[in-house]
C-alpha atoms as a PDB file:
ATOM      1  CA  MET A   1      44.825  13.406-129.420  1.00  0.00           C
ATOM      2  CA  THR A   2      48.222  16.510-128.986  1.00  0.00           C
ATOM      3  CA  ILE A   3      47.895  18.620-125.887  1.00  0.00           C
ATOM      4  CA  ASP A   4      46.867  21.369-127.143  1.00  0.00           C
ATOM      5  CA  ASP A   5      43.344  19.364-128.334  1.00  0.00           C
ATOM      6  CA  GLU A   6      43.460  17.721-125.026  1.00  0.00           C
ATOM      7  CA  LEU A   7      43.512  21.091-122.710  1.00  0.00           C
ATOM      8  CA  ARG A   8      41.313  22.630-125.190  1.00  0.00           C
ATOM      9  CA  ALA A   9      38.808  19.667-123.852  1.00  0.00           C
ATOM     10  CA  ILE A  10      39.091  19.932-120.854  1.00  0.00           C
ATOM     11  CA  VAL A  11      39.124  23.589-120.270  1.00  0.00           C
ATOM     12  CA  ALA A  12      35.927  23.657-122.458  1.00  0.00           C
ATOM     13  CA  LYS A  13      34.556  20.960-119.835  1.00  0.00           C
ATOM     14  CA  THR A  14      35.302  22.722-117.371  1.00  0.00           C
ATOM     15  CA  THR A  15      34.355  26.251-118.583  1.00  0.00           C
ATOM     16  CA  GLY A  16      30.868  25.300-120.419  1.00  0.00           C
ATOM     17  CA  LEU A  17      32.348  26.695-123.351  1.00  0.00           C
ATOM     18  CA  GLN A  18      33.503  25.097-126.943  1.00  0.00           C
ATOM     19  CA  ALA A  19      36.697  24.197-127.606  1.00  0.00           C
ATOM     20  CA  SER A  20      36.538  25.680-131.012  1.00  0.00           C
ATOM     21  CA  ASP A  21      35.634  29.231-128.889  1.00  0.00           C
ATOM     22  CA  LEU A  22      39.193  29.094-127.093  1.00  0.00           C
ATOM     23  CA  ALA A  23      40.812  31.607-127.920  1.00  0.00           C
ATOM     24  CA  ASP A  24      45.133  30.963-127.269  1.00  0.00           C
ATOM     25  CA  GLU A  25      45.244  34.530-125.517  1.00  0.00           C
ATOM     26  CA  ASP A  26      42.072  34.072-123.350  1.00  0.00           C
ATOM     27  CA  HIS A  27      43.207  34.956-119.859  1.00  0.00           C
ATOM     28  CA  VAL A  28      42.801  32.152-117.764  1.00  0.00           C
ATOM     29  CA  HIS A  29      41.249  33.353-115.029  1.00  0.00           C
ATOM     30  CA  ASP A  30      39.546  36.574-116.558  1.00  0.00           C
ATOM     31  CA  HIS A  31      38.126  35.449-119.492  1.00  0.00           C
ATOM     32  CA  LEU A  32      38.056  31.775-118.947  1.00  0.00           C
ATOM     33  CA  GLY A  33      36.473  31.598-115.409  1.00  0.00           C
ATOM     34  CA  LEU A  34      39.205  28.961-114.124  1.00  0.00           C
ATOM     35  CA  SER A  35      39.295  29.170-110.788  1.00  0.00           C
ATOM     36  CA  SER A  36      42.780  27.877-108.735  1.00  0.00           C
ATOM     37  CA  LEU A  37      40.992  25.143-107.987  1.00  0.00           C
ATOM     38  CA  ASP A  38      40.108  24.147-111.748  1.00  0.00           C
ATOM     39  CA  LEU A  39      43.821  25.020-112.862  1.00  0.00           C
ATOM     40  CA  ILE A  40      44.758  22.696-110.442  1.00  0.00           C
ATOM     41  CA  ALA A  41      42.752  19.319-111.422  1.00  0.00           C
ATOM     42  CA  VAL A  42      44.101  20.088-114.955  1.00  0.00           C
ATOM     43  CA  TYR A  43      47.667  20.608-113.969  1.00  0.00           C
ATOM     44  CA  GLY A  44      47.077  17.207-112.300  1.00  0.00           C
ATOM     45  CA  TYR A  45      45.356  15.901-115.131  1.00  0.00           C
ATOM     46  CA  PHE A  46      48.550  16.434-117.288  1.00  0.00           C
ATOM     47  CA  GLU A  47      51.278  15.514-114.564  1.00  0.00           C
ATOM     48  CA  ASP A  48      49.822  11.964-113.828  1.00  0.00           C
ATOM     49  CA  LYS A  49      49.487  11.429-117.776  1.00  0.00           C
ATOM     50  CA  TYR A  50      53.201  12.306-118.629  1.00  0.00           C
ATOM     51  CA  GLU A  51      54.514  12.335-115.292  1.00  0.00           C
ATOM     52  CA  ILE A  52      56.110  15.962-115.344  1.00  0.00           C
ATOM     53  CA  SER A  53      55.983  18.249-112.199  1.00  0.00           C
ATOM     54  CA  ILE A  54      54.731  21.788-112.016  1.00  0.00           C
ATOM     55  CA  SER A  55      55.917  24.055-109.122  1.00  0.00           C
ATOM     56  CA  ASP A  56      53.640  26.476-107.723  1.00  0.00           C
ATOM     57  CA  SER A  57      55.978  29.045-108.678  1.00  0.00           C
ATOM     58  CA  GLU A  58      55.655  28.413-112.604  1.00  0.00           C
ATOM     59  CA  ALA A  59      51.762  27.779-112.674  1.00  0.00           C
ATOM     60  CA  ASP A  60      51.138  31.072-110.510  1.00  0.00           C
ATOM     61  CA  GLU A  61      53.525  32.643-114.372  1.00  0.00           C
ATOM     62  CA  VAL A  62      50.834  31.063-116.137  1.00  0.00           C
ATOM     63  CA  LEU A  63      48.119  34.197-117.755  1.00  0.00           C
ATOM     64  CA  THR A  64      46.808  32.921-120.886  1.00  0.00           C
ATOM     65  CA  LEU A  65      45.653  29.769-122.347  1.00  0.00           C
ATOM     66  CA  LEU A  66      48.619  29.448-124.719  1.00  0.00           C
ATOM     67  CA  GLN A  67      51.045  29.880-122.105  1.00  0.00           C
ATOM     68  CA  LEU A  68      49.305  26.803-119.973  1.00  0.00           C
ATOM     69  CA  GLN A  69      49.872  25.434-123.113  1.00  0.00           C
ATOM     70  CA  GLN A  70      52.895  25.916-123.628  1.00  0.00           C
ATOM     71  CA  LEU A  71      54.052  25.100-119.851  1.00  0.00           C
ATOM     72  CA  ILE A  72      52.380  21.861-120.229  1.00  0.00           C
ATOM     73  CA  GLN A  73      54.430  20.709-124.280  1.00  0.00           C
ATOM     74  CA  SER A  74      57.400  22.078-122.538  1.00  0.00           C
ATOM     75  CA  LYS A  75      57.766  19.694-119.281  1.00  0.00           C
ATOM     76  CA  ALA A  76      55.919  16.966-121.200  1.00  0.00           C
ATOM     77  CA  ALA A  77      59.149  17.290-124.019  1.00  0.00           C
ATOM     78  CA  ALA A  78      61.651  17.414-121.388  1.00  0.00           C
ATOM     79  CA  GLY A  79      60.043  14.386-119.516  1.00  0.00           C
ATOM     80  CA  SER A  80      60.317  12.407-122.685  1.00  0.00           C
ATOM     81  CA  GLN A  81      64.069  12.982-123.295  1.00  0.00           C
ATOM     82  CA  CYS A  82      65.125  11.662-119.910  1.00  0.00           C
END
């Protein structure tokens, strides 16, 4: 399962939407209705799984599902190169 697939599955489970209905440009708060606590849980899942760290300032810059995916992927890729 790719990071994108995992992310969509987690967001779908959290929001009650179907993963196939999620679009890259969906705003995490406005369109998907994710709260700050929801996002903390998402970040925590990926931080634990990939042994990465996402700072508050990085998290604050995320507006869309695609940006969230890209942040997690870049952190995971950088972590695997260590």
